[in-house]
Every structure is written in structure tokens, then in C-alpha cells.
Amino acid sequence: MFKKIINNSVQRFRGGSAQRSKTNRRAKAKTHIVLPKGESALEWGQPSPLPHAEPPRTPYPLNCLSPGLREVVAAIAKKTQAPEAIAAQSVLAVISLTFASRVKVQTLSSTANAACFFVLVALSGERKSATDGWAMGGVNRTVLELRQEYAQLIKEHEQTVRTLERDEAKPPRPVCPNFLVTEPTIEGAFKAISSGAGFLGWFSDEAATFFGGHSMSPDKLALTCGIISKFWDGAFFIRPRATQEGDGYVPPTPTTLNLMFQPNLIGQSFGNEFMLGQGILARMLPAWPESNMGKRRYRRSEPSEDAIVDKFQEVTAKALRNTLEDPTEKTLKLSAGAFTQCVAFHDAVESELGRGGWAADISSFAAKAPEHACRLAALMTLFEDGETTEISEATMANACDLVKYHLQQFKYLCIAGTNEDAVSHAQKLLDWLKSNLTAGEGFATERVLQSGPVPTRRRQTMDKALAILVQHDWIAKLPDGTVVDERPRRRAYMLNPNA
């Protein structure tokens, strides 16, 4: 009986699919168009993806990573089937925390903390948490070990206190070095700093609690952005409070930031004029990789991949212990060749900052591009050779290429954030055109106004959406008087044959 029900359901599904297929074929019967006399056929290129509607199809420059890091990123990306950019951001953030928290790096003008800020935009289901879990394995294991050691120290402390004579001074209570914040709030960060570890890591794979939370509310936005920016800059704080002892001095604290959030927050972050102008986003290395969803098939990880990830976790756990136990600060200098590479990169970016330049509208991030390159070069150098004191020319060249990728990502996110509604309407119209027309087919604007997506049935919204689709080569305007559906049209367009 059960088998019969299943078979009947399959037949109905197949029948429904066939009927829908016939309907779609009828709906996609190609509209005949006739161009006015003297007009030649349109020339077409490949359409480009709409910003916000989907991430840019720019592959992560994996070959620009140092050999050891490239191997780790590739292994984690294969294990999780997540985009390489997600794995790279997680791995670099872990290196920043474990290797670079006591390191300064030479820049073109001075020295700066080598620690970096990262921000990732990806949909739920892209395996951000799984990727971060593998990259953070050594860090998380060390945190748990430290908590266990702290619990034992507390027991010993309490036992010692119980054996003291009445007039004997109590020994200071042990403090657990707290350097990791997974629910990023300003107060949580300062509380972690007060433990005395000397460095900080803000890691969250659900940064909606940060960008959409109380810390970023209108009355807290300026304060939060200013504090986080000063962490990146390596500044100290004076935060006197009535409820605390001392003058409230907070020493410079090298900070690694790794935040991940979904595309629906792009408007609140990269579309926020204050955040863009203040500079907090300019201090973050952004990535919005193309999704792998729909392309993944179940696979078991290879033993070689597991071995690479296990070794990475061991190395980063050891580096974290060393960073905790040895507060000595180290400085990485640029070799002569590395300095020359960085100067060339600086000048190339600077030439695009002027009016009309490619980077004119992202000047806050572009102006910091050389320093970002120095910091990334430091991360790669430290992982490959922890004893070296100099960054090589080849490493700096690769770091500059990595920052070029982040420049593109930053610009794309800004476009997406500031044009969110218009681009969203354009994407809905494009989806409707693809469903109701065949590639290379013409259509009149009356058809969109009468039966297109609801938002674009308003002429003003439709005009903006059509302009965006023209800009990205999805459609092209046909000459006035083109015959579409047996009538000459004043406004008609054609869907790109490559759509």
C-alpha cells in the first residue's frame, strides 16, 4: 500500500513537471522583433553579476599565500567544501592571534601592530562555523586547557588561604589569561583585557549580534567605532570609572578581529555613511566569496588533509602558548626589496585616489592598503619562519596582490550597501526576465509594467532597475521604433543572448 502511494505521488510530480515545462515553453515563445531601417544588430559581451544580488565572481588569490598557509587553506576548504576565501580568512585570523599578537611590523612611515582585522560576508549554510572550527581547533583546545589549569590553581589558592594564620597576608588570587571574546561587545573586550594577557581576539561567526546589536545602536555607534579603530591603531585608553580602582588606564592591546555575517547586513555596515567615513571598515580586510552551495557533493576528507589540519592546530596551539608566556615584543623589518615593492604598490593605489580614479569612492580603505599589505606580509613571514626578522620582497609582492583582492571586495560591498533597494529590484526583474523570456528576446516596457515583479510595476522603480541591468550588460535598449509584438515601440529592450 505504501509503495502504491509513493508511485502515485511520483506520477503526479512527473505529470506536474511536464505540465509546467509545457507552460514555460509557451511562456518563453520568442517575441519577434524588427529593427528600424538602417539600424544594425546589437553587439553583446558577457553580463556581469549585480552587486548585492550575488557576490563578485572573483576567485580568492590562493597562490598569493605563503606555501605553508596555502596548504592549510586548501586542506580546510576541501574538508568543508567551503569557498577558499572563507578558509583563508579563518586561517589568517588564527595566525594573527597566535603568532602576531606580540609583533610590530615596519610600514612605509613607522611601525604598526602586525595583528589584522577580517570581516567575511556569507550566507547561512556556507559552512563558516565548520571552517572556523577547524582553523581555531588549536586555539580552542588551548583555551579549555587554560580554564582547567586555572580551576586547579584556584583550588590550590583556596587551600593555601585556609592554612594561613590570622595575621598572614593572603596571596593574590590567580587570574586566568582571558584573550578571546566570542560575543563581541566593548565591555566584554575591556573585561578580557583586564585579565592581563596583553592581547585580544574578537572572533564571531554570527556577527549580526555585533553589527545589529546594542553596541552599534545610534547612540553607541560613534563610541564603538572609535574604540575598535583605536585597537587596530595600537592606541591606549583612559577609561576612569567610579566603580573601579586606579585611573582607568588601558594599555595598547594588539587585537585580532574576525567577524562573519550574512549579506542582509551589508546595508547596515558597508551602506552606513558614518561607518565608511569614520574608518572602522577601512581597517578590516573584507571578503564576500561566491557561494559553493549547489555544487557540493558528499566526500570524505583525505588522510593527507586531516594531517595538514592537525599539524596546523598543533603549531598554532604551541604559538599561542609561547605568546602567552613570553611578553617580549618583536619587530619585523622590510627588506630593501620589500620596501620597494610596498612603495610601488602605494604609488599605484595613490594614483587612483584622485577625482575620477577607481579608488576615489573607497579612499578610506585604499589609503590604508599599503599598511594592510605590510601586516599580511608579516603574518605569512611569521608562519613560515618564526625566527626571521625581515620580510622578503616576494612575500611583500604577494601581500600586495592579496590586498588588491580586498580592494575589489571592499568596493563591491560598498556598491552593494549603498544601492541595496535598487539592485534588489533589478535582480528581481532580471530573474523574471530569465523566467519569461528566452535569451536574446526583446520586450517592451509595457510588459514589465503590466505583469513584471510587483515593485517594478511602478514606472520610477522600473526605470532604475532597467538602468542597472543595462549598466551590467544584462539588457540593452533597442532603437526607438523597433517593432516588438507587432507594434513599433518607443521603449523596448533586449535580453542579452548570453544571459
Protein backbone atom coordinates (compact mmCIF):
# COMPACT_ATOMS: atom_id res chain seq x y z
CA MET A 1 0.00 0.00 0.00
CA PHE A 2 2.80 2.39 0.96
CA LYS A 3 4.64 1.62 -2.28
CA LYS A 4 1.49 2.39 -4.29
CA ILE A 5 1.13 5.78 -2.59
CA ILE A 6 4.76 6.62 -3.37
CA ASN A 7 4.37 5.58 -7.02
CA ASN A 8 1.21 7.68 -7.39
CA SER A 9 3.00 10.67 -5.86
CA VAL A 10 5.90 10.27 -8.29
CA GLN A 11 3.50 10.08 -11.24
CA ARG A 12 1.71 13.24 -10.10
CA PHE A 13 5.06 15.00 -9.63
CA ARG A 14 6.22 13.96 -13.10
CA GLY A 15 2.92 14.97 -14.62
CA GLY A 16 3.03 18.34 -12.88
CA SER A 17 6.61 18.89 -14.01
CA ALA A 18 5.69 18.06 -17.59
CA GLN A 19 2.75 20.45 -17.48
CA ARG A 20 4.92 23.21 -16.01
CA SER A 21 7.53 22.55 -18.68
CA LYS A 22 4.92 22.97 -21.43
CA THR A 23 3.68 26.16 -19.80
CA ASN A 24 7.22 27.54 -19.56
CA ARG A 25 7.89 26.71 -23.21
CA ARG A 26 4.74 28.56 -24.23
CA ALA A 27 5.67 31.50 -21.96
CA LYS A 28 9.16 31.58 -23.49
CA ALA A 29 7.98 31.56 -27.11
CA LYS A 30 10.40 34.08 -28.58
CA THR A 31 8.99 37.54 -29.33
CA HIS A 32 9.62 38.62 -32.92
CA ILE A 33 11.34 41.99 -33.26
CA VAL A 34 12.07 44.14 -36.30
CA LEU A 35 14.70 46.87 -36.07
CA PRO A 36 14.08 50.17 -37.87
CA LYS A 37 15.72 50.53 -41.28
CA GLY A 38 19.39 51.42 -41.11
CA GLU A 39 19.86 50.00 -37.59
CA SER A 40 22.38 47.19 -37.18
CA ALA A 41 22.20 44.26 -34.77
CA LEU A 42 23.43 44.83 -31.22
CA GLU A 43 26.87 43.63 -30.13
CA TRP A 44 26.99 41.78 -26.82
CA GLY A 45 29.56 40.91 -24.18
CA GLN A 46 29.30 38.75 -21.10
CA PRO A 47 26.96 40.19 -18.43
CA SER A 48 28.44 40.93 -15.01
CA PRO A 49 26.78 39.96 -11.71
CA LEU A 50 24.74 42.55 -9.91
CA PRO A 51 26.28 43.86 -6.68
CA HIS A 52 24.42 42.63 -3.58
CA ALA A 53 22.31 40.30 -5.66
CA GLU A 54 25.22 37.89 -5.65
CA PRO A 55 28.86 38.12 -4.60
CA PRO A 56 31.50 39.02 -7.17
CA ARG A 57 32.91 36.10 -9.10
CA THR A 58 36.44 36.99 -8.13
CA PRO A 59 38.39 33.92 -7.03
CA TYR A 60 40.46 34.20 -3.88
CA PRO A 61 44.16 34.58 -4.86
CA LEU A 62 45.23 31.39 -3.09
CA ASN A 63 48.60 31.34 -4.85
CA CYS A 64 49.50 34.62 -3.13
CA LEU A 65 49.58 32.94 0.27
CA SER A 66 52.87 31.55 1.53
CA PRO A 67 53.34 27.83 0.78
CA GLY A 68 52.53 26.63 4.29
CA LEU A 69 49.40 28.74 4.62
CA ARG A 70 48.28 27.85 1.10
CA GLU A 71 48.45 24.17 2.04
CA VAL A 72 46.38 24.68 5.19
CA VAL A 73 43.73 26.82 3.49
CA ALA A 74 43.37 24.33 0.65
CA ALA A 75 43.03 21.42 3.08
CA ILE A 76 40.33 23.12 5.18
CA ALA A 77 38.47 24.27 2.07
CA LYS A 78 38.46 20.70 0.75
CA LYS A 79 37.39 19.20 4.08
CA THR A 80 34.45 21.59 4.45
CA GLN A 81 33.78 22.33 0.75
CA ALA A 82 33.54 25.98 1.77
CA PRO A 83 34.83 28.74 -0.52
CA GLU A 84 38.58 29.20 -0.27
CA ALA A 85 38.11 32.81 0.87
CA ILE A 86 36.27 31.62 3.99
CA ALA A 87 39.07 29.21 4.85
CA ALA A 88 41.71 31.85 4.15
CA GLN A 89 40.08 34.48 6.36
CA SER A 90 39.79 32.00 9.25
CA VAL A 91 43.35 30.71 8.91
CA LEU A 92 44.89 34.18 8.63
CA ALA A 93 42.91 35.37 11.66
CA VAL A 94 44.26 32.47 13.71
CA ILE A 95 47.82 33.26 12.60
CA SER A 96 47.25 36.89 13.55
CA LEU A 97 46.12 35.90 17.05
CA THR A 98 48.66 33.19 17.80
CA PHE A 99 51.80 34.40 16.01
CA ALA A 100 51.42 38.16 15.59
CA SER A 101 49.98 39.41 18.89
CA ARG A 102 53.43 40.43 20.20
CA VAL A 103 54.80 41.59 16.84
CA LYS A 104 55.27 45.00 15.26
CA VAL A 105 55.88 45.40 11.54
CA GLN A 106 57.65 48.16 9.67
CA THR A 107 55.42 50.16 7.33
CA LEU A 108 56.33 52.93 4.90
CA SER A 109 56.05 55.59 7.59
CA SER A 110 56.51 53.94 11.00
CA THR A 111 55.76 50.64 12.72
CA ALA A 112 52.35 49.10 13.36
CA ASN A 113 50.84 46.08 15.05
CA ALA A 114 51.03 43.03 12.81
CA ALA A 115 47.61 41.83 14.01
CA CYS A 116 44.82 42.16 11.43
CA PHE A 117 41.06 42.70 11.25
CA PHE A 118 38.98 40.46 8.98
CA VAL A 119 35.31 40.56 8.00
CA LEU A 120 33.52 37.92 5.95
CA VAL A 121 30.11 38.08 4.27
CA ALA A 122 28.49 34.73 3.51
CA LEU A 123 25.08 33.13 3.56
CA SER A 124 23.97 30.70 6.22
CA GLY A 125 24.91 27.23 5.01
CA GLU A 126 28.30 28.23 3.60
CA ARG A 127 29.96 26.27 6.42
CA LYS A 128 31.54 29.30 8.07
CA SER A 129 31.30 27.68 11.50
CA ALA A 130 32.78 24.38 10.33
CA THR A 131 35.67 26.17 8.64
CA ASP A 132 36.31 28.34 11.68
CA GLY A 133 36.14 25.26 13.90
CA TRP A 134 38.96 23.52 12.05
CA ALA A 135 41.10 26.67 11.87
CA MET A 136 40.50 27.51 15.54
CA GLY A 137 40.99 23.94 16.80
CA GLY A 138 44.37 24.61 18.41
CA VAL A 139 43.21 27.89 19.94
CA ASN A 140 40.02 26.41 21.36
CA ARG A 141 41.90 23.45 22.82
CA THR A 142 44.37 25.80 24.50
CA VAL A 143 41.55 27.91 25.95
CA LEU A 144 39.99 24.81 27.53
CA GLU A 145 43.36 23.71 28.91
CA LEU A 146 43.91 27.15 30.42
CA ARG A 147 40.50 27.02 32.09
CA GLN A 148 41.33 23.61 33.59
CA GLU A 149 44.71 24.86 34.80
CA TYR A 150 43.01 27.92 36.28
CA ALA A 151 40.48 25.76 38.13
CA GLN A 152 43.35 23.78 39.66
CA LEU A 153 45.17 26.99 40.66
CA ILE A 154 42.01 28.27 42.36
CA LYS A 155 41.74 25.06 44.37
CA GLU A 156 45.37 25.36 45.45
CA HIS A 157 44.88 29.05 46.28
CA GLU A 158 41.83 28.35 48.44
CA GLN A 159 43.66 25.55 50.22
CA THR A 160 46.61 27.88 50.91
CA VAL A 161 44.29 30.59 52.25
CA ARG A 162 42.64 28.14 54.64
CA THR A 163 46.02 27.25 56.16
CA LEU A 164 47.09 30.86 56.78
CA GLU A 165 47.40 32.31 60.23
CA ARG A 166 45.04 35.16 61.07
CA ASP A 167 47.69 37.88 60.68
CA GLU A 168 49.28 36.45 57.50
CA ALA A 169 48.68 38.27 54.21
CA LYS A 170 46.65 36.42 51.61
CA PRO A 171 48.40 35.64 48.34
CA PRO A 172 46.85 37.26 45.26
CA ARG A 173 44.05 35.27 43.66
CA PRO A 174 45.14 33.60 40.38
CA VAL A 175 43.89 35.19 37.17
CA CYS A 176 43.03 33.21 34.07
CA PRO A 177 44.50 34.88 30.98
CA ASN A 178 41.43 35.86 29.00
CA PHE A 179 42.23 36.92 25.46
CA LEU A 180 39.29 35.56 23.44
CA VAL A 181 35.89 37.24 23.04
CA THR A 182 33.25 35.35 21.05
CA GLU A 183 30.33 37.67 21.75
CA PRO A 184 31.91 40.94 20.65
CA THR A 185 30.93 43.84 22.88
CA ILE A 186 33.04 46.75 24.02
CA GLU A 187 32.59 45.98 27.71
CA GLY A 188 33.42 42.32 27.10
CA ALA A 189 36.61 43.32 25.32
CA PHE A 190 37.79 45.59 28.13
CA LYS A 191 36.97 42.93 30.71
CA ALA A 192 39.11 40.44 28.79
CA ILE A 193 41.95 42.95 28.58
CA SER A 194 41.85 43.42 32.35
CA SER A 195 42.97 39.80 32.81
CA GLY A 196 46.43 40.88 31.69
CA ALA A 197 47.03 38.59 28.72
CA GLY A 198 48.31 41.59 26.78
CA PHE A 199 46.46 40.90 23.52
CA LEU A 200 42.92 40.27 22.34
CA GLY A 201 40.98 38.21 19.81
CA TRP A 202 37.41 39.06 18.75
CA PHE A 203 36.04 36.05 16.89
CA SER A 204 32.39 35.62 15.92
CA ASP A 205 30.79 33.58 13.15
CA GLU A 206 27.46 35.29 13.90
CA ALA A 207 28.44 38.95 13.87
CA ALA A 208 24.81 40.00 13.48
CA THR A 209 24.92 40.30 17.28
CA PHE A 210 27.59 42.96 16.77
CA PHE A 211 26.52 44.89 13.66
CA GLY A 212 22.85 44.65 14.58
CA GLY A 213 23.27 44.79 18.36
CA HIS A 214 23.33 47.39 21.12
CA SER A 215 26.98 48.29 20.51
CA MET A 216 26.04 49.59 17.06
CA SER A 217 22.81 51.34 18.06
CA PRO A 218 22.58 55.02 17.01
CA ASP A 219 23.59 56.31 20.44
CA LYS A 220 26.58 53.91 20.73
CA LEU A 221 27.77 53.81 17.12
CA ALA A 222 30.36 56.58 17.29
CA LEU A 223 31.84 55.32 20.57
CA THR A 224 32.06 51.70 19.41
CA CYS A 225 33.61 52.57 16.04
CA GLY A 226 36.14 54.85 17.70
CA ILE A 227 37.23 52.25 20.25
CA ILE A 228 37.61 49.45 17.70
CA SER A 229 39.58 51.74 15.40
CA LYS A 230 41.95 52.60 18.25
CA PHE A 231 42.51 48.88 18.91
CA TRP A 232 43.72 48.50 15.31
CA ASP A 233 45.83 51.63 15.60
CA GLY A 234 47.55 50.33 18.75
CA ALA A 235 46.41 53.21 20.95
CA PHE A 236 45.93 53.24 24.72
CA PHE A 237 42.74 54.25 26.57
CA ILE A 238 41.95 56.25 29.69
CA ARG A 239 38.58 54.95 30.95
CA PRO A 240 38.09 56.12 34.57
CA ARG A 241 35.03 54.60 36.22
CA ALA A 242 33.52 55.40 39.61
CA THR A 243 33.23 51.69 40.41
CA GLN A 244 36.87 50.76 39.76
CA GLU A 245 40.24 51.43 41.32
CA GLY A 246 43.01 53.30 39.55
CA ASP A 247 42.90 55.91 36.81
CA GLY A 248 41.33 53.64 34.17
CA TYR A 249 44.44 53.33 32.03
CA VAL A 250 44.15 50.56 29.44
CA PRO A 251 47.46 49.79 27.70
CA PRO A 252 47.77 49.38 23.93
CA THR A 253 46.38 45.93 23.18
CA PRO A 254 47.18 44.23 19.86
CA THR A 255 43.83 42.96 18.63
CA THR A 256 42.77 40.41 16.04
CA LEU A 257 39.22 40.74 14.76
CA ASN A 258 37.40 38.10 12.71
CA LEU A 259 33.70 38.77 12.15
CA MET A 260 31.34 36.87 9.86
CA PHE A 261 27.85 38.00 8.92
CA GLN A 262 25.17 37.40 6.30
CA PRO A 263 24.51 39.58 3.23
CA ASN A 264 21.36 41.08 4.74
CA LEU A 265 23.62 43.20 6.98
CA ILE A 266 25.61 44.74 4.13
CA GLY A 267 23.35 47.77 4.11
CA GLN A 268 23.81 48.33 7.86
CA SER A 269 27.58 48.10 7.60
CA PHE A 270 29.01 48.92 4.17
CA GLY A 271 25.98 51.07 3.39
CA ASN A 272 26.38 53.12 6.57
CA GLU A 273 27.87 56.51 5.69
CA PHE A 274 29.17 57.12 9.21
CA MET A 275 30.99 53.78 9.42
CA LEU A 276 32.52 54.31 5.98
CA GLY A 277 33.60 57.84 6.79
CA GLN A 278 34.83 57.15 10.33
CA GLY A 279 37.22 54.45 9.14
CA ILE A 280 36.31 51.33 11.13
CA LEU A 281 35.52 49.39 7.93
CA ALA A 282 38.71 50.66 6.28
CA ARG A 283 40.67 48.79 8.95
CA MET A 284 39.04 45.45 8.05
CA LEU A 285 40.04 43.11 5.22
CA PRO A 286 36.70 42.10 3.67
CA ALA A 287 35.69 39.09 1.60
CA TRP A 288 32.36 38.12 0.03
CA PRO A 289 33.06 34.89 -1.84
CA GLU A 290 30.86 33.29 -4.46
CA SER A 291 28.74 30.55 -2.92
CA ASN A 292 29.59 26.86 -3.25
CA MET A 293 26.06 25.80 -2.36
CA GLY A 294 24.53 23.59 -5.02
CA LYS A 295 27.96 22.42 -6.21
CA ARG A 296 28.89 20.31 -3.19
CA ARG A 297 28.67 16.53 -3.10
CA TYR A 298 29.38 14.35 -0.11
CA ARG A 299 33.02 13.41 0.21
CA ARG A 300 35.18 12.01 2.96
CA SER A 301 38.22 14.02 3.83
CA GLU A 302 41.54 12.60 2.72
CA PRO A 303 44.02 11.47 5.40
CA SER A 304 46.52 13.95 3.95
CA GLU A 305 44.05 16.81 4.53
CA ASP A 306 43.41 15.67 8.10
CA ALA A 307 47.16 15.51 8.76
CA ILE A 308 47.70 19.06 7.47
CA VAL A 309 44.89 20.45 9.63
CA ASP A 310 46.04 18.50 12.71
CA LYS A 311 49.56 19.85 12.29
CA PHE A 312 48.22 23.40 11.89
CA GLN A 313 46.27 23.08 15.12
CA GLU A 314 49.35 21.82 16.95
CA VAL A 315 51.54 24.62 15.58
CA THR A 316 49.05 27.36 16.43
CA ALA A 317 48.42 25.93 19.91
CA LYS A 318 52.17 25.98 20.58
CA ALA A 319 52.50 29.50 19.17
CA LEU A 320 49.66 30.68 21.41
CA ARG A 321 51.35 29.22 24.50
CA ASN A 322 54.58 30.96 23.53
CA THR A 323 52.76 34.26 23.04
CA LEU A 324 51.11 33.95 26.45
CA GLU A 325 54.31 33.02 28.26
CA ASP A 326 56.77 35.39 26.56
CA PRO A 327 55.65 39.06 26.52
CA THR A 328 58.75 40.13 24.58
CA GLU A 329 57.83 42.31 21.62
CA LYS A 330 59.37 41.56 18.24
CA THR A 331 59.67 43.84 15.20
CA LEU A 332 59.71 42.66 11.59
CA LYS A 333 61.53 44.94 9.18
CA LEU A 334 61.04 45.24 5.43
CA SER A 335 63.96 44.13 3.30
CA ALA A 336 65.12 46.63 0.69
CA GLY A 337 63.22 44.73 -2.00
CA ALA A 338 60.08 44.51 0.15
CA PHE A 339 60.21 48.25 0.82
CA THR A 340 60.50 48.95 -2.91
CA GLN A 341 57.53 46.66 -3.61
CA CYS A 342 55.44 48.43 -0.99
CA VAL A 343 56.34 51.88 -2.34
CA ALA A 344 55.30 50.82 -5.86
CA PHE A 345 52.00 49.49 -4.50
CA HIS A 346 51.44 52.70 -2.52
CA ASP A 347 52.03 54.87 -5.60
CA ALA A 348 49.79 52.72 -7.80
CA VAL A 349 46.91 52.95 -5.33
CA GLU A 350 47.51 56.65 -4.69
CA SER A 351 47.17 57.41 -8.40
CA GLU A 352 43.63 56.00 -8.26
CA LEU A 353 42.56 58.06 -5.24
CA GLY A 354 42.04 61.33 -7.11
CA ARG A 355 38.78 62.55 -8.60
CA GLY A 356 37.55 60.06 -11.17
CA GLY A 357 40.01 57.38 -10.06
CA TRP A 358 38.99 53.77 -9.50
CA ALA A 359 39.53 54.05 -5.73
CA ALA A 360 38.16 57.58 -5.28
CA ASP A 361 34.96 56.32 -3.66
CA ILE A 362 36.78 53.90 -1.33
CA SER A 363 39.59 56.24 -0.34
CA SER A 364 39.37 55.35 3.37
CA PHE A 365 40.30 51.72 2.70
CA ALA A 366 42.61 52.39 -0.24
CA ALA A 367 44.69 54.83 1.81
CA LYS A 368 45.40 52.03 4.29
CA ALA A 369 46.17 49.45 1.59
CA PRO A 370 49.99 49.63 1.98
CA GLU A 371 49.74 49.08 5.75
CA HIS A 372 47.33 46.18 5.20
CA ALA A 373 49.93 44.68 2.86
CA CYS A 374 52.68 45.04 5.48
CA ARG A 375 50.52 43.32 8.10
CA LEU A 376 49.58 40.44 5.80
CA ALA A 377 53.21 40.03 4.79
CA ALA A 378 54.09 39.81 8.49
CA LEU A 379 51.54 37.02 9.06
CA MET A 380 52.92 34.94 6.20
CA THR A 381 56.52 35.54 7.28
CA LEU A 382 55.86 34.60 10.91
CA PHE A 383 54.13 31.35 9.99
CA GLU A 384 56.83 30.23 7.58
CA ASP A 385 59.80 31.22 9.75
CA GLY A 386 59.19 32.41 13.28
CA GLU A 387 62.88 33.23 13.80
CA THR A 388 63.30 35.67 10.92
CA THR A 389 63.33 39.42 11.48
CA GLU A 390 62.83 40.53 7.88
CA ILE A 391 60.06 40.38 5.27
CA SER A 392 61.22 39.30 1.83
CA GLU A 393 60.47 41.01 -1.47
CA ALA A 394 58.49 38.01 -2.76
CA THR A 395 56.32 37.88 0.36
CA MET A 396 55.55 41.61 0.10
CA ALA A 397 54.65 41.28 -3.57
CA ASN A 398 52.19 38.51 -2.72
CA ALA A 399 50.76 40.53 0.17
CA CYS A 400 50.15 43.46 -2.18
CA ASP A 401 48.27 41.16 -4.55
CA LEU A 402 46.16 39.91 -1.64
CA VAL A 403 45.25 43.49 -0.76
CA LYS A 404 44.29 44.14 -4.39
CA TYR A 405 41.71 41.38 -3.96
CA HIS A 406 40.42 43.01 -0.77
CA LEU A 407 40.26 46.40 -2.53
CA GLN A 408 37.90 44.89 -5.10
CA GLN A 409 35.85 43.24 -2.39
CA PHE A 410 35.58 46.47 -0.40
CA LYS A 411 34.43 48.45 -3.44
CA TYR A 412 31.89 45.80 -4.34
CA LEU A 413 30.46 45.69 -0.81
CA CYS A 414 30.18 49.49 -0.73
CA ILE A 415 28.27 49.47 -4.02
CA ALA A 416 26.02 46.72 -2.70
CA GLY A 417 25.43 48.51 0.60
CA THR A 418 24.57 51.89 -0.88
CA ASN A 419 22.37 50.59 -3.72
CA GLU A 420 20.65 47.80 -1.83
CA ASP A 421 16.99 48.50 -2.72
CA ALA A 422 17.60 49.47 -6.33
CA VAL A 423 19.83 46.47 -7.01
CA SER A 424 17.39 44.15 -5.23
CA HIS A 425 14.61 45.33 -7.55
CA ALA A 426 16.92 44.93 -10.55
CA GLN A 427 17.70 41.36 -9.52
CA LYS A 428 14.01 40.51 -9.19
CA LEU A 429 13.37 41.95 -12.64
CA LEU A 430 16.31 40.01 -14.09
CA ASP A 431 15.03 36.78 -12.56
CA TRP A 432 11.59 37.48 -14.03
CA LEU A 433 13.05 38.22 -17.48
CA LYS A 434 15.04 34.98 -17.43
CA SER A 435 11.92 33.03 -16.46
CA ASN A 436 9.60 34.61 -19.04
CA LEU A 437 11.88 35.34 -21.99
CA THR A 438 14.47 33.42 -23.91
CA ALA A 439 18.00 34.78 -24.15
CA GLY A 440 18.20 37.33 -26.96
CA GLU A 441 14.48 38.13 -26.88
CA GLY A 442 13.08 41.66 -26.99
CA PHE A 443 10.44 43.13 -24.71
CA ALA A 444 8.54 46.37 -24.33
CA THR A 445 8.41 48.24 -21.04
CA GLU A 446 4.61 47.91 -21.07
CA ARG A 447 5.04 44.20 -20.47
CA VAL A 448 7.06 44.84 -17.33
CA LEU A 449 4.58 47.43 -16.06
CA GLN A 450 1.66 45.07 -16.62
CA SER A 451 2.99 41.69 -15.49
CA GLY A 452 6.53 42.10 -14.15
CA PRO A 453 7.58 41.82 -10.48
CA VAL A 454 5.32 43.90 -8.27
CA PRO A 455 7.93 46.56 -7.30
CA THR A 456 8.85 47.22 -10.95
CA ARG A 457 5.24 47.81 -11.97
CA ARG A 458 5.87 51.35 -10.77
CA ARG A 459 7.48 53.26 -13.61
CA GLN A 460 10.13 55.02 -11.49
CA THR A 461 11.27 51.76 -9.88
CA MET A 462 11.24 50.01 -13.25
CA ASP A 463 13.38 52.73 -14.84
CA LYS A 464 16.04 52.41 -12.10
CA ALA A 465 16.05 48.61 -12.39
CA LEU A 466 16.37 48.74 -16.19
CA ALA A 467 19.25 51.22 -15.92
CA ILE A 468 21.13 48.86 -13.57
CA LEU A 469 20.57 45.90 -15.90
CA VAL A 470 21.84 47.97 -18.85
CA GLN A 471 24.90 49.01 -16.82
CA HIS A 472 25.79 45.38 -16.13
CA ASP A 473 25.10 44.24 -19.74
CA TRP A 474 22.09 42.06 -18.96
CA ILE A 475 19.87 44.03 -21.33
CA ALA A 476 20.31 46.73 -23.98
CA LYS A 477 17.91 49.40 -25.17
CA LEU A 478 16.58 48.86 -28.69
CA PRO A 479 16.31 51.80 -31.11
CA ASP A 480 13.11 53.85 -30.98
CA GLY A 481 10.55 52.46 -33.37
CA THR A 482 11.67 48.82 -33.04
CA VAL A 483 8.72 46.53 -33.68
CA VAL A 484 8.02 44.29 -30.70
CA ASP A 485 4.88 42.13 -30.57
CA GLU A 486 3.83 43.54 -33.95
CA ARG A 487 3.86 47.15 -32.73
CA PRO A 488 6.54 49.84 -33.06
CA ARG A 489 7.80 50.72 -29.56
CA ARG A 490 9.25 53.90 -28.16
CA ARG A 491 10.88 51.99 -25.30
CA ALA A 492 11.97 48.42 -25.84
CA TYR A 493 14.90 46.31 -24.66
CA MET A 494 16.57 43.02 -25.48
CA LEU A 495 17.79 40.37 -23.04
CA ASN A 496 21.46 39.53 -23.54
CA PRO A 497 21.81 36.34 -25.65
CA ASN A 498 24.41 35.22 -23.07
CA ALA A 499 22.00 35.60 -20.13
